[in-house]
Amino acid sequence: MTQENLHLWNQRHDQMRGLTSGAALSACSQRKLKWMARPTVWCQQHDPLTLEPASARNYEMPSKCGAESAVIMTFLMDLPNPDSRTVAAVHAAADWFKKLKSVDVVWDMGSDDGRKLSPKPGGGPLWARYYDLKTDRPIFGDRDKTIHDDVSEISKERRNGYSWFQRQTAKDA
């Protein structure tokens, strides 16, 4: 590749990256959830036509999603010159994370019953993977599409085989 071709390729790549970032920002702002007219966080899945929260696998119900929201927050926080809407979105999500963090707990392998949320002084902060769209309470799904308020109510296979809680937030909000 000649130096001129390399320069043209780099220019085109920068243009495409700008378009992709613009599309991602537009999608993020369109899909941000509002509760009581205040922006909060994002879902894991959205219907491509209605943009409404949607299910994915049987145990992934329409919900607010801590892990995906942390990734989006990090993306938005890394933008060199965010606009006021982007800054407001990050602040609203950070407020949501602060409100819902669980401290003095750990998500660990318990006894033969499998993983569980246990009290532990100094443990956390942790966030649930999914939160109810209306109440912000953690919710947990099983392969039979049932939704539970307590992670200990789901099958052992799902408790042990999925990341129901994580420390992953955008710089711990």
C-alpha atoms as a PDB file:
ATOM      1  CA  MET A   1       0.000   0.000   0.000  1.00  0.00           C
ATOM      2  CA  THR A   2       1.420   3.352  -1.001  1.00  0.00           C
ATOM      3  CA  GLN A   3       1.697   6.226   1.463  1.00  0.00           C
ATOM      4  CA  GLU A   4      -1.096   8.064  -0.386  1.00  0.00           C
ATOM      5  CA  ASN A   5      -3.387   5.022  -0.287  1.00  0.00           C
ATOM      6  CA  LEU A   6      -2.641   4.558   3.397  1.00  0.00           C
ATOM      7  CA  HIS A   7      -3.552   8.201   4.044  1.00  0.00           C
ATOM      8  CA  LEU A   8      -6.836   7.801   2.119  1.00  0.00           C
ATOM      9  CA  TRP A   9      -7.613   4.574   3.962  1.00  0.00           C
ATOM     10  CA  ASN A  10      -6.962   6.255   7.334  1.00  0.00           C
ATOM     11  CA  GLN A  11      -9.201   9.197   6.354  1.00  0.00           C
ATOM     12  CA  ARG A  12     -12.027   6.846   5.364  1.00  0.00           C
ATOM     13  CA  HIS A  13     -11.552   4.808   8.536  1.00  0.00           C
ATOM     14  CA  ASP A  14     -11.788   7.987  10.657  1.00  0.00           C
ATOM     15  CA  GLN A  15     -14.959   9.018   8.801  1.00  0.00           C
ATOM     16  CA  MET A  16     -16.544   5.599   9.360  1.00  0.00           C
ATOM     17  CA  ARG A  17     -15.556   5.608  13.028  1.00  0.00           C
ATOM     18  CA  GLY A  18     -17.206   9.012  13.389  1.00  0.00           C
ATOM     19  CA  LEU A  19     -20.375   7.747  11.738  1.00  0.00           C
ATOM     20  CA  THR A  20     -20.388   4.647  13.900  1.00  0.00           C
ATOM     21  CA  SER A  21     -19.896   6.671  17.079  1.00  0.00           C
ATOM     22  CA  GLY A  22     -22.660   9.042  16.020  1.00  0.00           C
ATOM     23  CA  ALA A  23     -25.023   6.148  15.361  1.00  0.00           C
ATOM     24  CA  ALA A  24     -24.108   4.566  18.690  1.00  0.00           C
ATOM     25  CA  LEU A  25     -24.741   7.826  20.536  1.00  0.00           C
ATOM     26  CA  SER A  26     -28.070   8.242  18.796  1.00  0.00           C
ATOM     27  CA  ALA A  27     -29.063   4.681  19.666  1.00  0.00           C
ATOM     28  CA  CYS A  28     -27.975   5.161  23.285  1.00  0.00           C
ATOM     29  CA  SER A  29     -30.018   8.309  23.714  1.00  0.00           C
ATOM     30  CA  GLN A  30     -33.089   6.818  21.992  1.00  0.00           C
ATOM     31  CA  ARG A  31     -33.043   3.715  24.163  1.00  0.00           C
ATOM     32  CA  LYS A  32     -32.284   5.239  27.556  1.00  0.00           C
ATOM     33  CA  LEU A  33     -35.055   4.415  29.992  1.00  0.00           C
ATOM     34  CA  LYS A  34     -36.934   7.029  31.919  1.00  0.00           C
ATOM     35  CA  TRP A  35     -38.660   6.399  35.182  1.00  0.00           C
ATOM     36  CA  MET A  36     -40.846   9.114  36.649  1.00  0.00           C
ATOM     37  CA  ALA A  37     -39.622  11.364  33.788  1.00  0.00           C
ATOM     38  CA  ARG A  38     -35.997  11.002  34.952  1.00  0.00           C
ATOM     39  CA  PRO A  39     -33.453   9.159  32.795  1.00  0.00           C
ATOM     40  CA  THR A  40     -31.929   6.095  34.441  1.00  0.00           C
ATOM     41  CA  VAL A  41     -30.004   3.335  32.619  1.00  0.00           C
ATOM     42  CA  TRP A  42     -30.261   1.056  29.595  1.00  0.00           C
ATOM     43  CA  CYS A  43     -31.654  -2.377  28.853  1.00  0.00           C
ATOM     44  CA  GLN A  44     -29.823  -5.407  27.572  1.00  0.00           C
ATOM     45  CA  GLN A  45     -32.134  -5.841  24.576  1.00  0.00           C
ATOM     46  CA  HIS A  46     -34.514  -3.583  22.680  1.00  0.00           C
ATOM     47  CA  ASP A  47     -37.050  -4.376  20.009  1.00  0.00           C
ATOM     48  CA  PRO A  48     -35.493  -3.075  16.772  1.00  0.00           C
ATOM     49  CA  LEU A  49     -38.750  -1.501  15.554  1.00  0.00           C
ATOM     50  CA  THR A  50     -40.428  -0.159  18.689  1.00  0.00           C
ATOM     51  CA  LEU A  51     -37.256   0.374  20.773  1.00  0.00           C
ATOM     52  CA  GLU A  52     -39.176  -1.073  23.739  1.00  0.00           C
ATOM     53  CA  PRO A  53     -37.297  -3.300  26.210  1.00  0.00           C
ATOM     54  CA  ALA A  54     -37.311  -6.905  24.984  1.00  0.00           C
ATOM     55  CA  SER A  55     -36.395 -10.408  26.131  1.00  0.00           C
ATOM     56  CA  ALA A  56     -33.401 -12.314  24.872  1.00  0.00           C
ATOM     57  CA  ARG A  57     -32.929 -15.862  26.207  1.00  0.00           C
ATOM     58  CA  ASN A  58     -35.599 -17.411  28.469  1.00  0.00           C
ATOM     59  CA  TYR A  59     -33.912 -16.124  31.619  1.00  0.00           C
ATOM     60  CA  GLU A  60     -33.120 -12.663  30.195  1.00  0.00           C
ATOM     61  CA  MET A  61     -36.294 -10.675  30.666  1.00  0.00           C
ATOM     62  CA  PRO A  62     -37.062  -7.073  29.657  1.00  0.00           C
ATOM     63  CA  SER A  63     -35.341  -5.081  32.397  1.00  0.00           C
ATOM     64  CA  LYS A  64     -32.873  -2.389  33.302  1.00  0.00           C
ATOM     65  CA  CYS A  65     -29.420  -3.886  33.047  1.00  0.00           C
ATOM     66  CA  GLY A  66     -26.493  -2.970  35.270  1.00  0.00           C
ATOM     67  CA  ALA A  67     -23.712  -4.633  33.276  1.00  0.00           C
ATOM     68  CA  GLU A  68     -24.667  -3.250  29.876  1.00  0.00           C
ATOM     69  CA  SER A  69     -25.317   0.194  31.355  1.00  0.00           C
ATOM     70  CA  ALA A  70     -21.838   0.215  32.881  1.00  0.00           C
ATOM     71  CA  VAL A  71     -20.326  -0.502  29.460  1.00  0.00           C
ATOM     72  CA  ILE A  72     -22.378   2.274  27.843  1.00  0.00           C
ATOM     73  CA  MET A  73     -21.421   4.698  30.634  1.00  0.00           C
ATOM     74  CA  THR A  74     -17.742   3.905  30.115  1.00  0.00           C
ATOM     75  CA  PHE A  75     -18.110   4.481  26.371  1.00  0.00           C
ATOM     76  CA  LEU A  76     -19.833   7.823  26.964  1.00  0.00           C
ATOM     77  CA  MET A  77     -17.345   8.908  29.642  1.00  0.00           C
ATOM     78  CA  ASP A  78     -14.461   8.254  27.247  1.00  0.00           C
ATOM     79  CA  LEU A  79     -15.805  10.614  24.582  1.00  0.00           C
ATOM     80  CA  PRO A  80     -13.449  13.566  24.117  1.00  0.00           C
ATOM     81  CA  ASN A  81     -16.115  16.300  23.853  1.00  0.00           C
ATOM     82  CA  PRO A  82     -19.479  15.027  25.072  1.00  0.00           C
ATOM     83  CA  ASP A  83     -22.534  17.197  24.532  1.00  0.00           C
ATOM     84  CA  SER A  84     -24.821  18.226  27.396  1.00  0.00           C
ATOM     85  CA  ARG A  85     -27.255  15.329  26.748  1.00  0.00           C
ATOM     86  CA  THR A  86     -24.434  12.823  27.022  1.00  0.00           C
ATOM     87  CA  VAL A  87     -23.147  14.364  30.253  1.00  0.00           C
ATOM     88  CA  ALA A  88     -26.679  14.345  31.684  1.00  0.00           C
ATOM     89  CA  ALA A  89     -27.115  10.678  30.692  1.00  0.00           C
ATOM     90  CA  VAL A  90     -23.896   9.697  32.465  1.00  0.00           C
ATOM     91  CA  HIS A  91     -24.840  11.624  35.609  1.00  0.00           C
ATOM     92  CA  ALA A  92     -28.339  10.091  35.684  1.00  0.00           C
ATOM     93  CA  ALA A  93     -26.924   6.589  35.291  1.00  0.00           C
ATOM     94  CA  ALA A  94     -24.318   7.255  38.013  1.00  0.00           C
ATOM     95  CA  ASP A  95     -27.107   8.378  40.356  1.00  0.00           C
ATOM     96  CA  TRP A  96     -29.005   5.171  39.587  1.00  0.00           C
ATOM     97  CA  PHE A  97     -25.926   3.027  40.293  1.00  0.00           C
ATOM     98  CA  LYS A  98     -25.280   4.834  43.584  1.00  0.00           C
ATOM     99  CA  LYS A  99     -28.884   4.322  44.655  1.00  0.00           C
ATOM    100  CA  LEU A 100     -28.869   0.580  43.905  1.00  0.00           C
ATOM    101  CA  LYS A 101     -25.434  -0.605  44.988  1.00  0.00           C
ATOM    102  CA  SER A 102     -25.322  -3.455  47.472  1.00  0.00           C
ATOM    103  CA  VAL A 103     -22.579  -3.322  50.074  1.00  0.00           C
ATOM    104  CA  ASP A 104     -21.452  -5.743  52.751  1.00  0.00           C
ATOM    105  CA  VAL A 105     -22.400  -8.715  50.537  1.00  0.00           C
ATOM    106  CA  VAL A 106     -20.605 -11.166  48.233  1.00  0.00           C
ATOM    107  CA  TRP A 107     -21.811 -13.393  45.384  1.00  0.00           C
ATOM    108  CA  ASP A 108     -19.950 -16.609  45.953  1.00  0.00           C
ATOM    109  CA  MET A 109     -20.035 -20.367  45.817  1.00  0.00           C
ATOM    110  CA  GLY A 110     -21.794 -21.411  48.982  1.00  0.00           C
ATOM    111  CA  SER A 111     -22.387 -24.956  50.072  1.00  0.00           C
ATOM    112  CA  ASP A 112     -23.709 -27.753  47.861  1.00  0.00           C
ATOM    113  CA  ASP A 113     -26.694 -25.518  47.094  1.00  0.00           C
ATOM    114  CA  GLY A 114     -24.579 -23.474  44.688  1.00  0.00           C
ATOM    115  CA  ARG A 115     -23.854 -19.775  44.390  1.00  0.00           C
ATOM    116  CA  LYS A 116     -25.601 -17.377  46.695  1.00  0.00           C
ATOM    117  CA  LEU A 117     -25.609 -13.802  47.884  1.00  0.00           C
ATOM    118  CA  SER A 118     -24.109 -13.782  51.365  1.00  0.00           C
ATOM    119  CA  PRO A 119     -23.501 -11.084  53.951  1.00  0.00           C
ATOM    120  CA  LYS A 120     -19.857 -10.105  54.367  1.00  0.00           C
ATOM    121  CA  PRO A 121     -18.681  -6.925  56.096  1.00  0.00           C
ATOM    122  CA  GLY A 122     -16.722  -4.836  53.605  1.00  0.00           C
ATOM    123  CA  GLY A 123     -18.004  -6.873  50.647  1.00  0.00           C
ATOM    124  CA  GLY A 124     -19.135  -5.201  47.442  1.00  0.00           C
ATOM    125  CA  PRO A 125     -20.205  -2.983  45.999  1.00  0.00           C
ATOM    126  CA  LEU A 126     -22.281  -5.305  43.821  1.00  0.00           C
ATOM    127  CA  TRP A 127     -25.084  -4.709  41.362  1.00  0.00           C
ATOM    128  CA  ALA A 128     -27.635  -7.194  40.104  1.00  0.00           C
ATOM    129  CA  ARG A 129     -27.591  -8.045  36.416  1.00  0.00           C
ATOM    130  CA  TYR A 130     -31.279  -7.144  35.957  1.00  0.00           C
ATOM    131  CA  TYR A 131     -33.700  -4.744  37.628  1.00  0.00           C
ATOM    132  CA  ASP A 132     -37.460  -4.533  37.299  1.00  0.00           C
ATOM    133  CA  LEU A 133     -38.438  -1.794  34.845  1.00  0.00           C
ATOM    134  CA  LYS A 134     -40.875  -0.154  37.277  1.00  0.00           C
ATOM    135  CA  THR A 135     -39.597  -0.854  40.788  1.00  0.00           C
ATOM    136  CA  ASP A 136     -35.802  -1.071  40.347  1.00  0.00           C
ATOM    137  CA  ARG A 137     -35.812  -4.279  42.422  1.00  0.00           C
ATOM    138  CA  PRO A 138     -33.363  -6.995  41.329  1.00  0.00           C
ATOM    139  CA  ILE A 139     -35.036  -9.749  39.299  1.00  0.00           C
ATOM    140  CA  PHE A 140     -33.817 -13.181  38.289  1.00  0.00           C
ATOM    141  CA  GLY A 141     -35.013 -15.467  35.495  1.00  0.00           C
ATOM    142  CA  ASP A 142     -34.996 -19.205  34.998  1.00  0.00           C
ATOM    143  CA  ARG A 143     -35.037 -21.315  31.838  1.00  0.00           C
ATOM    144  CA  ASP A 144     -38.810 -21.814  32.166  1.00  0.00           C
ATOM    145  CA  LYS A 145     -39.280 -18.024  31.730  1.00  0.00           C
ATOM    146  CA  THR A 146     -40.300 -17.519  35.354  1.00  0.00           C
ATOM    147  CA  ILE A 147     -39.164 -14.321  37.038  1.00  0.00           C
ATOM    148  CA  HIS A 148     -38.131 -14.299  40.685  1.00  0.00           C
ATOM    149  CA  ASP A 149     -37.361 -11.610  43.259  1.00  0.00           C
ATOM    150  CA  ASP A 150     -34.834 -13.781  45.079  1.00  0.00           C
ATOM    151  CA  VAL A 151     -31.877 -15.389  43.311  1.00  0.00           C
ATOM    152  CA  SER A 152     -32.104 -18.405  45.660  1.00  0.00           C
ATOM    153  CA  GLU A 153     -35.493 -19.254  44.079  1.00  0.00           C
ATOM    154  CA  ILE A 154     -34.050 -20.049  40.649  1.00  0.00           C
ATOM    155  CA  SER A 155     -32.603 -23.407  39.644  1.00  0.00           C
ATOM    156  CA  LYS A 156     -29.121 -24.304  40.810  1.00  0.00           C
ATOM    157  CA  GLU A 157     -28.036 -24.598  37.173  1.00  0.00           C
ATOM    158  CA  ARG A 158     -28.999 -20.952  36.517  1.00  0.00           C
ATOM    159  CA  ARG A 159     -27.572 -19.678  39.823  1.00  0.00           C
ATOM    160  CA  ASN A 160     -24.228 -21.288  39.037  1.00  0.00           C
ATOM    161  CA  GLY A 161     -24.237 -20.702  35.288  1.00  0.00           C
ATOM    162  CA  TYR A 162     -24.921 -16.992  34.987  1.00  0.00           C
ATOM    163  CA  SER A 163     -23.506 -13.711  36.302  1.00  0.00           C
ATOM    164  CA  TRP A 164     -26.455 -12.516  38.391  1.00  0.00           C
ATOM    165  CA  PHE A 165     -24.320 -10.036  40.327  1.00  0.00           C
ATOM    166  CA  GLN A 166     -21.187  -8.185  39.353  1.00  0.00           C
ATOM    167  CA  ARG A 167     -18.857  -5.465  40.473  1.00  0.00           C
ATOM    168  CA  GLN A 168     -18.719  -4.074  36.941  1.00  0.00           C
ATOM    169  CA  THR A 169     -19.802  -0.479  36.846  1.00  0.00           C
ATOM    170  CA  ALA A 170     -18.496   2.550  35.050  1.00  0.00           C
ATOM    171  CA  LYS A 171     -15.643   3.264  37.407  1.00  0.00           C
ATOM    172  CA  ASP A 172     -17.915   2.191  40.294  1.00  0.00           C
ATOM    173  CA  ALA A 173     -20.283   5.055  39.432  1.00  0.00           C
END
